[in-house]
Amino acid sequence: MTAFAYIAAAIAEIAGCFAFWAWLRMDKSIWWIVPGMMALALFAYLLTLIEAEHAGRTYAAYGGVYIVSAIGWLWLIEGAKPDRWDLVGAAVCLGGAAIILFGPRAV
């Protein structure tokens, strides 16, 4: 469930932010912000589904998933192929997210 919630949250956040980008930077209709706001609300809700003791740790680990998802968006939606530095950076961030989320904690 954790992986699903993180991935779905990332897609919702990127889609929501892209809606605002499209409106402000691509001269799309102002109506693009309506689904954008809905997507951002969904993003916030999905992060509450993560099983973690502290919200800050959940958000910190999410950062790595978001970065990998943003690189995927860049490639799949915007048609710009990631370069090796995009991929290396995303891998480092995802590794950091895994350490934050799954690292052993003193009880």
PDB file of N, CA and C in Angstrom:
ATOM      1  N   MET A   1       0.821  -1.198   0.000  1.00  0.00           N
ATOM      2  CA  MET A   1       0.000   0.000   0.000  1.00  0.00           C
ATOM      3  C   MET A   1       0.864   1.261   0.000  1.00  0.00           C
ATOM      4  N   THR A   2       2.000   1.216   0.704  1.00  0.00           N
ATOM      5  CA  THR A   2       2.872   2.390   0.786  1.00  0.00           C
ATOM      6  C   THR A   2       3.378   2.797  -0.590  1.00  0.00           C
ATOM      7  N   ALA A   3       3.874   1.835  -1.358  1.00  0.00           N
ATOM      8  CA  ALA A   3       4.386   2.156  -2.697  1.00  0.00           C
ATOM      9  C   ALA A   3       3.283   2.730  -3.577  1.00  0.00           C
ATOM     10  N   PHE A   4       2.094   2.123  -3.537  1.00  0.00           N
ATOM     11  CA  PHE A   4       0.971   2.638  -4.323  1.00  0.00           C
ATOM     12  C   PHE A   4       0.638   4.067  -3.920  1.00  0.00           C
ATOM     13  N   ALA A   5       0.555   4.327  -2.618  1.00  0.00           N
ATOM     14  CA  ALA A   5       0.198   5.673  -2.150  1.00  0.00           C
ATOM     15  C   ALA A   5       1.240   6.698  -2.589  1.00  0.00           C
ATOM     16  N   TYR A   6       2.517   6.354  -2.477  1.00  0.00           N
ATOM     17  CA  TYR A   6       3.576   7.282  -2.907  1.00  0.00           C
ATOM     18  C   TYR A   6       3.511   7.549  -4.409  1.00  0.00           C
ATOM     19  N   ILE A   7       3.379   6.515  -5.199  1.00  0.00           N
ATOM     20  CA  ILE A   7       3.351   6.690  -6.654  1.00  0.00           C
ATOM     21  C   ILE A   7       2.116   7.451  -7.088  1.00  0.00           C
ATOM     22  N   ALA A   8       0.960   7.102  -6.536  1.00  0.00           N
ATOM     23  CA  ALA A   8      -0.278   7.814  -6.877  1.00  0.00           C
ATOM     24  C   ALA A   8      -0.209   9.265  -6.432  1.00  0.00           C
ATOM     25  N   ALA A   9       0.364   9.520  -5.248  1.00  0.00           N
ATOM     26  CA  ALA A   9       0.511  10.893  -4.772  1.00  0.00           C
ATOM     27  C   ALA A   9       1.412  11.698  -5.706  1.00  0.00           C
ATOM     28  N   ALA A  10       2.496  11.083  -6.154  1.00  0.00           N
ATOM     29  CA  ALA A  10       3.411  11.781  -7.061  1.00  0.00           C
ATOM     30  C   ALA A  10       2.728  12.128  -8.380  1.00  0.00           C
ATOM     31  N   ILE A  11       1.989  11.185  -8.926  1.00  0.00           N
ATOM     32  CA  ILE A  11       1.283  11.458 -10.182  1.00  0.00           C
ATOM     33  C   ILE A  11       0.259  12.574  -9.988  1.00  0.00           C
ATOM     34  N   ALA A  12      -0.475  12.522  -8.873  1.00  0.00           N
ATOM     35  CA  ALA A  12      -1.475  13.559  -8.601  1.00  0.00           C
ATOM     36  C   ALA A  12      -0.817  14.933  -8.420  1.00  0.00           C
ATOM     37  N   GLU A  13       0.301  14.979  -7.692  1.00  0.00           N
ATOM     38  CA  GLU A  13       0.968  16.262  -7.482  1.00  0.00           C
ATOM     39  C   GLU A  13       1.525  16.826  -8.783  1.00  0.00           C
ATOM     40  N   ILE A  14       2.180  15.991  -9.553  1.00  0.00           N
ATOM     41  CA  ILE A  14       2.749  16.461 -10.812  1.00  0.00           C
ATOM     42  C   ILE A  14       1.645  16.917 -11.756  1.00  0.00           C
ATOM     43  N   ALA A  15       0.562  16.162 -11.844  1.00  0.00           N
ATOM     44  CA  ALA A  15      -0.555  16.554 -12.712  1.00  0.00           C
ATOM     45  C   ALA A  15      -1.160  17.867 -12.248  1.00  0.00           C
ATOM     46  N   GLY A  16      -1.329  18.028 -10.944  1.00  0.00           N
ATOM     47  CA  GLY A  16      -1.883  19.270 -10.414  1.00  0.00           C
ATOM     48  C   GLY A  16      -0.990  20.463 -10.690  1.00  0.00           C
ATOM     49  N   CYS A  17       0.292  20.299 -10.461  1.00  0.00           N
ATOM     50  CA  CYS A  17       1.231  21.391 -10.727  1.00  0.00           C
ATOM     51  C   CYS A  17       1.327  21.679 -12.220  1.00  0.00           C
ATOM     52  N   PHE A  18       1.282  20.624 -13.032  1.00  0.00           N
ATOM     53  CA  PHE A  18       1.343  20.824 -14.478  1.00  0.00           C
ATOM     54  C   PHE A  18       0.138  21.601 -14.978  1.00  0.00           C
ATOM     55  N   ALA A  19      -1.026  21.392 -14.359  1.00  0.00           N
ATOM     56  CA  ALA A  19      -2.215  22.145 -14.762  1.00  0.00           C
ATOM     57  C   ALA A  19      -1.982  23.644 -14.582  1.00  0.00           C
ATOM     58  N   PHE A  20      -1.375  24.029 -13.470  1.00  0.00           N
ATOM     59  CA  PHE A  20      -1.064  25.446 -13.260  1.00  0.00           C
ATOM     60  C   PHE A  20       0.005  25.914 -14.245  1.00  0.00           C
ATOM     61  N   TRP A  21       0.995  25.082 -14.499  1.00  0.00           N
ATOM     62  CA  TRP A  21       2.050  25.392 -15.478  1.00  0.00           C
ATOM     63  C   TRP A  21       1.418  25.642 -16.842  1.00  0.00           C
ATOM     64  N   ALA A  22       0.518  24.744 -17.226  1.00  0.00           N
ATOM     65  CA  ALA A  22      -0.138  24.874 -18.541  1.00  0.00           C
ATOM     66  C   ALA A  22      -0.915  26.180 -18.633  1.00  0.00           C
ATOM     67  N   TRP A  23      -1.624  26.519 -17.578  1.00  0.00           N
ATOM     68  CA  TRP A  23      -2.405  27.759 -17.574  1.00  0.00           C
ATOM     69  C   TRP A  23      -1.494  28.982 -17.648  1.00  0.00           C
ATOM     70  N   LEU A  24      -0.463  29.016 -16.815  1.00  0.00           N
ATOM     71  CA  LEU A  24       0.367  30.215 -16.717  1.00  0.00           C
ATOM     72  C   LEU A  24       1.501  30.295 -17.739  1.00  0.00           C
ATOM     73  N   ARG A  25       2.015  29.161 -18.176  1.00  0.00           N
ATOM     74  CA  ARG A  25       3.180  29.184 -19.047  1.00  0.00           C
ATOM     75  C   ARG A  25       2.886  28.741 -20.475  1.00  0.00           C
ATOM     76  N   MET A  26       1.751  28.054 -20.670  1.00  0.00           N
ATOM     77  CA  MET A  26       1.436  27.542 -22.000  1.00  0.00           C
ATOM     78  C   MET A  26       0.159  28.176 -22.559  1.00  0.00           C
ATOM     79  N   ASP A  27      -0.324  29.211 -21.874  1.00  0.00           N
ATOM     80  CA  ASP A  27      -1.509  29.957 -22.310  1.00  0.00           C
ATOM     81  C   ASP A  27      -2.752  29.080 -22.476  1.00  0.00           C
ATOM     82  N   LYS A  28      -2.906  28.081 -21.610  1.00  0.00           N
ATOM     83  CA  LYS A  28      -4.121  27.267 -21.609  1.00  0.00           C
ATOM     84  C   LYS A  28      -5.208  28.008 -20.841  1.00  0.00           C
ATOM     85  N   SER A  29      -6.420  27.537 -20.955  1.00  0.00           N
ATOM     86  CA  SER A  29      -7.566  28.148 -20.284  1.00  0.00           C
ATOM     87  C   SER A  29      -7.383  28.143 -18.771  1.00  0.00           C
ATOM     88  N   ILE A  30      -7.929  29.137 -18.115  1.00  0.00           N
ATOM     89  CA  ILE A  30      -7.895  29.193 -16.652  1.00  0.00           C
ATOM     90  C   ILE A  30      -8.597  27.984 -16.039  1.00  0.00           C
ATOM     91  N   TRP A  31      -9.487  27.368 -16.798  1.00  0.00           N
ATOM     92  CA  TRP A  31     -10.214  26.193 -16.310  1.00  0.00           C
ATOM     93  C   TRP A  31      -9.289  25.006 -16.054  1.00  0.00           C
ATOM     94  N   TRP A  32      -8.067  25.049 -16.542  1.00  0.00           N
ATOM     95  CA  TRP A  32      -7.099  23.991 -16.241  1.00  0.00           C
ATOM     96  C   TRP A  32      -6.826  23.902 -14.740  1.00  0.00           C
ATOM     97  N   ILE A  33      -7.020  25.004 -14.006  1.00  0.00           N
ATOM     98  CA  ILE A  33      -6.701  24.950 -12.577  1.00  0.00           C
ATOM     99  C   ILE A  33      -7.732  24.159 -11.772  1.00  0.00           C
ATOM    100  N   VAL A  34      -8.934  23.977 -12.296  1.00  0.00           N
ATOM    101  CA  VAL A  34      -9.941  23.205 -11.553  1.00  0.00           C
ATOM    102  C   VAL A  34      -9.490  21.752 -11.374  1.00  0.00           C
ATOM    103  N   PRO A  35      -9.185  21.018 -12.435  1.00  0.00           N
ATOM    104  CA  PRO A  35      -8.678  19.659 -12.198  1.00  0.00           C
ATOM    105  C   PRO A  35      -7.311  19.678 -11.502  1.00  0.00           C
ATOM    106  N   GLY A  36      -6.558  20.755 -11.716  1.00  0.00           N
ATOM    107  CA  GLY A  36      -5.271  20.879 -11.031  1.00  0.00           C
ATOM    108  C   GLY A  36      -5.442  20.936  -9.521  1.00  0.00           C
ATOM    109  N   MET A  37      -6.413  21.698  -9.056  1.00  0.00           N
ATOM    110  CA  MET A  37      -6.672  21.792  -7.615  1.00  0.00           C
ATOM    111  C   MET A  37      -7.209  20.477  -7.068  1.00  0.00           C
ATOM    112  N   MET A  38      -8.020  19.806  -7.852  1.00  0.00           N
ATOM    113  CA  MET A  38      -8.536  18.500  -7.419  1.00  0.00           C
ATOM    114  C   MET A  38      -7.389  17.487  -7.306  1.00  0.00           C
ATOM    115  N   ALA A  39      -6.482  17.524  -8.258  1.00  0.00           N
ATOM    116  CA  ALA A  39      -5.339  16.615  -8.223  1.00  0.00           C
ATOM    117  C   ALA A  39      -4.444  16.906  -7.017  1.00  0.00           C
ATOM    118  N   LEU A  40      -4.264  18.182  -6.696  1.00  0.00           N
ATOM    119  CA  LEU A  40      -3.430  18.529  -5.545  1.00  0.00           C
ATOM    120  C   LEU A  40      -4.091  18.119  -4.230  1.00  0.00           C
ATOM    121  N   ALA A  41      -5.418  18.215  -4.161  1.00  0.00           N
ATOM    122  CA  ALA A  41      -6.128  17.742  -2.969  1.00  0.00           C
ATOM    123  C   ALA A  41      -5.991  16.217  -2.842  1.00  0.00           C
ATOM    124  N   LEU A  42      -6.090  15.510  -3.953  1.00  0.00           N
ATOM    125  CA  LEU A  42      -5.904  14.065  -3.950  1.00  0.00           C
ATOM    126  C   LEU A  42      -4.494  13.704  -3.495  1.00  0.00           C
ATOM    127  N   PHE A  43      -3.519  14.442  -3.971  1.00  0.00           N
ATOM    128  CA  PHE A  43      -2.125  14.240  -3.560  1.00  0.00           C
ATOM    129  C   PHE A  43      -1.994  14.323  -2.037  1.00  0.00           C
ATOM    130  N   ALA A  44      -2.554  15.367  -1.443  1.00  0.00           N
ATOM    131  CA  ALA A  44      -2.453  15.536   0.004  1.00  0.00           C
ATOM    132  C   ALA A  44      -3.137  14.385   0.739  1.00  0.00           C
ATOM    133  N   TYR A  45      -4.288  13.979   0.255  1.00  0.00           N
ATOM    134  CA  TYR A  45      -4.999  12.861   0.876  1.00  0.00           C
ATOM    135  C   TYR A  45      -4.183  11.569   0.794  1.00  0.00           C
ATOM    136  N   LEU A  46      -3.624  11.295  -0.363  1.00  0.00           N
ATOM    137  CA  LEU A  46      -2.879  10.045  -0.553  1.00  0.00           C
ATOM    138  C   LEU A  46      -1.694   9.933   0.399  1.00  0.00           C
ATOM    139  N   LEU A  47      -1.056  11.060   0.705  1.00  0.00           N
ATOM    140  CA  LEU A  47       0.070  10.991   1.640  1.00  0.00           C
ATOM    141  C   LEU A  47      -0.376  10.604   3.046  1.00  0.00           C
ATOM    142  N   THR A  48      -1.648  10.854   3.379  1.00  0.00           N
ATOM    143  CA  THR A  48      -2.121  10.453   4.709  1.00  0.00           C
ATOM    144  C   THR A  48      -2.290   8.942   4.818  1.00  0.00           C
ATOM    145  N   LEU A  49      -2.273   8.232   3.707  1.00  0.00           N
ATOM    146  CA  LEU A  49      -2.433   6.776   3.723  1.00  0.00           C
ATOM    147  C   LEU A  49      -1.138   6.035   4.050  1.00  0.00           C
ATOM    148  N   ILE A  50      -0.025   6.754   4.057  1.00  0.00           N
ATOM    149  CA  ILE A  50       1.276   6.136   4.321  1.00  0.00           C
ATOM    150  C   ILE A  50       1.361   5.737   5.791  1.00  0.00           C
ATOM    151  N   GLU A  51       1.777   4.489   6.020  1.00  0.00           N
ATOM    152  CA  GLU A  51       1.954   4.016   7.390  1.00  0.00           C
ATOM    153  C   GLU A  51       3.314   4.464   7.910  1.00  0.00           C
ATOM    154  N   ALA A  52       3.328   5.574   8.611  1.00  0.00           N
ATOM    155  CA  ALA A  52       4.550   6.083   9.218  1.00  0.00           C
ATOM    156  C   ALA A  52       4.163   6.811  10.506  1.00  0.00           C
ATOM    157  N   GLU A  53       5.065   6.808  11.437  1.00  0.00           N
ATOM    158  CA  GLU A  53       4.771   7.415  12.730  1.00  0.00           C
ATOM    159  C   GLU A  53       4.749   8.938  12.664  1.00  0.00           C
ATOM    160  N   HIS A  54       5.564   9.518  11.790  1.00  0.00           N
ATOM    161  CA  HIS A  54       5.687  10.976  11.733  1.00  0.00           C
ATOM    162  C   HIS A  54       5.457  11.482  10.313  1.00  0.00           C
ATOM    163  N   ALA A  55       4.704  12.546  10.193  1.00  0.00           N
ATOM    164  CA  ALA A  55       4.407  13.123   8.883  1.00  0.00           C
ATOM    165  C   ALA A  55       5.676  13.593   8.181  1.00  0.00           C
ATOM    166  N   GLY A  56       6.562  14.218   8.914  1.00  0.00           N
ATOM    167  CA  GLY A  56       7.790  14.742   8.298  1.00  0.00           C
ATOM    168  C   GLY A  56       8.617  13.666   7.631  1.00  0.00           C
ATOM    169  N   ARG A  57       8.701  12.502   8.247  1.00  0.00           N
ATOM    170  CA  ARG A  57       9.451  11.393   7.653  1.00  0.00           C
ATOM    171  C   ARG A  57       8.744  10.896   6.396  1.00  0.00           C
ATOM    172  N   THR A  58       7.426  10.850   6.442  1.00  0.00           N
ATOM    173  CA  THR A  58       6.648  10.461   5.261  1.00  0.00           C
ATOM    174  C   THR A  58       6.922  11.420   4.118  1.00  0.00           C
ATOM    175  N   TYR A  59       6.903  12.723   4.396  1.00  0.00           N
ATOM    176  CA  TYR A  59       7.121  13.724   3.346  1.00  0.00           C
ATOM    177  C   TYR A  59       8.553  13.683   2.828  1.00  0.00           C
ATOM    178  N   ALA A  60       9.506  13.462   3.715  1.00  0.00           N
ATOM    179  CA  ALA A  60      10.908  13.395   3.294  1.00  0.00           C
ATOM    180  C   ALA A  60      11.133  12.211   2.359  1.00  0.00           C
ATOM    181  N   ALA A  61      10.601  11.060   2.726  1.00  0.00           N
ATOM    182  CA  ALA A  61      10.749   9.882   1.862  1.00  0.00           C
ATOM    183  C   ALA A  61      10.013  10.088   0.545  1.00  0.00           C
ATOM    184  N   TYR A  62       8.889  10.757   0.591  1.00  0.00           N
ATOM    185  CA  TYR A  62       8.119  11.036  -0.623  1.00  0.00           C
ATOM    186  C   TYR A  62       8.939  11.835  -1.632  1.00  0.00           C
ATOM    187  N   GLY A  63       9.821  12.688  -1.143  1.00  0.00           N
ATOM    188  CA  GLY A  63      10.621  13.523  -2.036  1.00  0.00           C
ATOM    189  C   GLY A  63      11.363  12.716  -3.092  1.00  0.00           C
ATOM    190  N   GLY A  64      11.927  11.595  -2.704  1.00  0.00           N
ATOM    191  CA  GLY A  64      12.636  10.748  -3.669  1.00  0.00           C
ATOM    192  C   GLY A  64      11.705  10.153  -4.704  1.00  0.00           C
ATOM    193  N   VAL A  65      10.535   9.709  -4.261  1.00  0.00           N
ATOM    194  CA  VAL A  65       9.545   9.154  -5.187  1.00  0.00           C
ATOM    195  C   VAL A  65       9.072  10.243  -6.151  1.00  0.00           C
ATOM    196  N   TYR A  66       8.876  11.442  -5.631  1.00  0.00           N
ATOM    197  CA  TYR A  66       8.446  12.559  -6.468  1.00  0.00           C
ATOM    198  C   TYR A  66       9.476  12.846  -7.563  1.00  0.00           C
ATOM    199  N   ILE A  67      10.733  12.858  -7.201  1.00  0.00           N
ATOM    200  CA  ILE A  67      11.790  13.159  -8.172  1.00  0.00           C
ATOM    201  C   ILE A  67      11.815  12.112  -9.283  1.00  0.00           C
ATOM    202  N   VAL A  68      11.742  10.833  -8.920  1.00  0.00           N
ATOM    203  CA  VAL A  68      11.719   9.777  -9.932  1.00  0.00           C
ATOM    204  C   VAL A  68      10.484   9.929 -10.815  1.00  0.00           C
ATOM    205  N   SER A  69       9.343  10.233 -10.215  1.00  0.00           N
ATOM    206  CA  SER A  69       8.106  10.417 -10.973  1.00  0.00           C
ATOM    207  C   SER A  69       8.193  11.621 -11.900  1.00  0.00           C
ATOM    208  N   ALA A  70       8.821  12.686 -11.443  1.00  0.00           N
ATOM    209  CA  ALA A  70       8.975  13.874 -12.280  1.00  0.00           C
ATOM    210  C   ALA A  70       9.859  13.585 -13.499  1.00  0.00           C
ATOM    211  N   ILE A  71      10.881  12.775 -13.313  1.00  0.00           N
ATOM    212  CA  ILE A  71      11.722  12.376 -14.445  1.00  0.00           C
ATOM    213  C   ILE A  71      10.896  11.523 -15.417  1.00  0.00           C
ATOM    214  N   GLY A  72      10.062  10.650 -14.880  1.00  0.00           N
ATOM    215  CA  GLY A  72       9.158   9.869 -15.729  1.00  0.00           C
ATOM    216  C   GLY A  72       8.185  10.759 -16.489  1.00  0.00           C
ATOM    217  N   TRP A  73       7.640  11.765 -15.833  1.00  0.00           N
ATOM    218  CA  TRP A  73       6.729  12.727 -16.474  1.00  0.00           C
ATOM    219  C   TRP A  73       7.457  13.449 -17.608  1.00  0.00           C
ATOM    220  N   LEU A  74       8.685  13.881 -17.313  1.00  0.00           N
ATOM    221  CA  LEU A  74       9.503  14.561 -18.312  1.00  0.00           C
ATOM    222  C   LEU A  74       9.586  13.733 -19.587  1.00  0.00           C
ATOM    223  N   TRP A  75       9.813  12.445 -19.424  1.00  0.00           N
ATOM    224  CA  TRP A  75      10.002  11.554 -20.556  1.00  0.00           C
ATOM    225  C   TRP A  75       8.681  11.166 -21.208  1.00  0.00           C
ATOM    226  N   LEU A  76       7.721  10.675 -20.423  1.00  0.00           N
ATOM    227  CA  LEU A  76       6.486  10.124 -20.979  1.00  0.00           C
ATOM    228  C   LEU A  76       5.482  11.179 -21.433  1.00  0.00           C
ATOM    229  N   ILE A  77       5.368  12.268 -20.708  1.00  0.00           N
ATOM    230  CA  ILE A  77       4.355  13.290 -21.018  1.00  0.00           C
ATOM    231  C   ILE A  77       4.936  14.417 -21.855  1.00  0.00           C
ATOM    232  N   GLU A  78       6.127  14.886 -21.487  1.00  0.00           N
ATOM    233  CA  GLU A  78       6.721  16.023 -22.193  1.00  0.00           C
ATOM    234  C   GLU A  78       7.615  15.614 -23.355  1.00  0.00           C
ATOM    235  N   GLY A  79       7.935  14.339 -23.449  1.00  0.00           N
ATOM    236  CA  GLY A  79       8.705  13.848 -24.580  1.00  0.00           C
ATOM    237  C   GLY A  79      10.174  14.202 -24.565  1.00  0.00           C
ATOM    238  N   ALA A  80      10.717  14.610 -23.414  1.00  0.00           N
ATOM    239  CA  ALA A  80      12.139  14.927 -23.297  1.00  0.00           C
ATOM    240  C   ALA A  80      12.840  13.757 -22.615  1.00  0.00           C
ATOM    241  N   LYS A  81      13.702  13.083 -23.322  1.00  0.00           N
ATOM    242  CA  LYS A  81      14.385  11.909 -22.783  1.00  0.00           C
ATOM    243  C   LYS A  81      15.360  12.333 -21.684  1.00  0.00           C
ATOM    244  N   PRO A  82      15.263  11.697 -20.505  1.00  0.00           N
ATOM    245  CA  PRO A  82      16.199  12.020 -19.427  1.00  0.00           C
ATOM    246  C   PRO A  82      17.628  11.665 -19.833  1.00  0.00           C
ATOM    247  N   ASP A  83      18.569  12.476 -19.382  1.00  0.00           N
ATOM    248  CA  ASP A  83      19.971  12.150 -19.638  1.00  0.00           C
ATOM    249  C   ASP A  83      20.531  11.371 -18.448  1.00  0.00           C
ATOM    250  N   ARG A  84      21.777  10.997 -18.535  1.00  0.00           N
ATOM    251  CA  ARG A  84      22.358  10.157 -17.481  1.00  0.00           C
ATOM    252  C   ARG A  84      22.366  10.862 -16.131  1.00  0.00           C
ATOM    253  N   TRP A  85      22.495  12.182 -16.133  1.00  0.00           N
ATOM    254  CA  TRP A  85      22.517  12.914 -14.869  1.00  0.00           C
ATOM    255  C   TRP A  85      21.135  12.941 -14.224  1.00  0.00           C
ATOM    256  N   ASP A  86      20.101  13.018 -15.039  1.00  0.00           N
ATOM    257  CA  ASP A  86      18.740  12.895 -14.511  1.00  0.00           C
ATOM    258  C   ASP A  86      18.568  11.539 -13.832  1.00  0.00           C
ATOM    259  N   LEU A  87      19.010  10.489 -14.508  1.00  0.00           N
ATOM    260  CA  LEU A  87      18.827   9.128 -14.003  1.00  0.00           C
ATOM    261  C   LEU A  87      19.667   8.862 -12.757  1.00  0.00           C
ATOM    262  N   VAL A  88      20.905   9.317 -12.768  1.00  0.00           N
ATOM    263  CA  VAL A  88      21.768   9.131 -11.591  1.00  0.00           C
ATOM    264  C   VAL A  88      21.200   9.907 -10.404  1.00  0.00           C
ATOM    265  N   GLY A  89      20.805  11.142 -10.634  1.00  0.00           N
ATOM    266  CA  GLY A  89      20.230  11.945  -9.554  1.00  0.00           C
ATOM    267  C   GLY A  89      18.959  11.330  -8.999  1.00  0.00           C
ATOM    268  N   ALA A  90      18.098  10.833  -9.879  1.00  0.00           N
ATOM    269  CA  ALA A  90      16.858  10.192  -9.433  1.00  0.00           C
ATOM    270  C   ALA A  90      17.154   8.934  -8.618  1.00  0.00           C
ATOM    271  N   ALA A  91      18.136   8.156  -9.043  1.00  0.00           N
ATOM    272  CA  ALA A  91      18.494   6.937  -8.306  1.00  0.00           C
ATOM    273  C   ALA A  91      19.029   7.272  -6.918  1.00  0.00           C
ATOM    274  N   VAL A  92      19.860   8.293  -6.835  1.00  0.00           N
ATOM    275  CA  VAL A  92      20.393   8.711  -5.538  1.00  0.00           C
ATOM    276  C   VAL A  92      19.251   9.156  -4.621  1.00  0.00           C
ATOM    277  N   CYS A  93      18.326   9.925  -5.160  1.00  0.00           N
ATOM    278  CA  CYS A  93      17.201  10.404  -4.358  1.00  0.00           C
ATOM    279  C   CYS A  93      16.298   9.265  -3.901  1.00  0.00           C
ATOM    280  N   LEU A  94      16.050   8.312  -4.779  1.00  0.00           N
ATOM    281  CA  LEU A  94      15.217   7.174  -4.412  1.00  0.00           C
ATOM    282  C   LEU A  94      15.904   6.321  -3.344  1.00  0.00           C
ATOM    283  N   GLY A  95      17.210   6.178  -3.469  1.00  0.00           N
ATOM    284  CA  GLY A  95      17.960   5.468  -2.428  1.00  0.00           C
ATOM    285  C   GLY A  95      17.866   6.181  -1.090  1.00  0.00           C
ATOM    286  N   GLY A  96      17.977   7.487  -1.099  1.00  0.00           N
ATOM    287  CA  GLY A  96      17.826   8.266   0.132  1.00  0.00           C
ATOM    288  C   GLY A  96      16.435   8.125   0.725  1.00  0.00           C
ATOM    289  N   ALA A  97      15.426   8.124  -0.133  1.00  0.00           N
ATOM    290  CA  ALA A  97      14.050   7.950   0.338  1.00  0.00           C
ATOM    291  C   ALA A  97      13.885   6.586   1.019  1.00  0.00           C
ATOM    292  N   ALA A  98      14.476   5.553   0.434  1.00  0.00           N
ATOM    293  CA  ALA A  98      14.384   4.213   1.023  1.00  0.00           C
ATOM    294  C   ALA A  98      15.069   4.171   2.389  1.00  0.00           C
ATOM    295  N   ILE A  99      16.199   4.833   2.509  1.00  0.00           N
ATOM    296  CA  ILE A  99      16.899   4.875   3.802  1.00  0.00           C
ATOM    297  C   ILE A  99      16.027   5.570   4.843  1.00  0.00           C
ATOM    298  N   ILE A 100      15.430   6.690   4.468  1.00  0.00           N
ATOM    299  CA  ILE A 100      14.571   7.427   5.396  1.00  0.00           C
ATOM    300  C   ILE A 100      13.375   6.590   5.823  1.00  0.00           C
ATOM    301  N   LEU A 101      12.732   5.951   4.876  1.00  0.00           N
ATOM    302  CA  LEU A 101      11.494   5.229   5.163  1.00  0.00           C
ATOM    303  C   LEU A 101      11.735   3.888   5.860  1.00  0.00           C
ATOM    304  N   PHE A 102      12.749   3.160   5.438  1.00  0.00           N
ATOM    305  CA  PHE A 102      12.925   1.790   5.905  1.00  0.00           C
ATOM    306  C   PHE A 102      14.099   1.595   6.859  1.00  0.00           C
ATOM    307  N   GLY A 103      14.850   2.653   7.147  1.00  0.00           N
ATOM    308  CA  GLY A 103      15.984   2.517   8.051  1.00  0.00           C
ATOM    309  C   GLY A 103      15.562   2.086   9.445  1.00  0.00           C
ATOM    310  N   PRO A 104      16.417   1.322  10.115  1.00  0.00           N
ATOM    311  CA  PRO A 104      16.055   0.874  11.461  1.00  0.00           C
ATOM    312  C   PRO A 104      15.961   2.060  12.416  1.00  0.00           C
ATOM    313  N   ARG A 105      14.989   2.017  13.285  1.00  0.00           N
ATOM    314  CA  ARG A 105      14.752   3.099  14.243  1.00  0.00           C
ATOM    315  C   ARG A 105      14.875   2.539  15.647  1.00  0.00           C
ATOM    316  N   ALA A 106      15.462   3.329  16.532  1.00  0.00           N
ATOM    317  CA  ALA A 106      15.507   2.952  17.947  1.00  0.00           C
ATOM    318  C   ALA A 106      14.099   3.088  18.518  1.00  0.00           C
ATOM    319  N   VAL A 107      13.686   2.084  19.256  1.00  0.00           N
ATOM    320  CA  VAL A 107      12.326   2.104  19.805  1.00  0.00           C
ATOM    321  C   VAL A 107      12.306   2.605  21.217  1.00  0.00           C
TER     322      VAL A 107
END
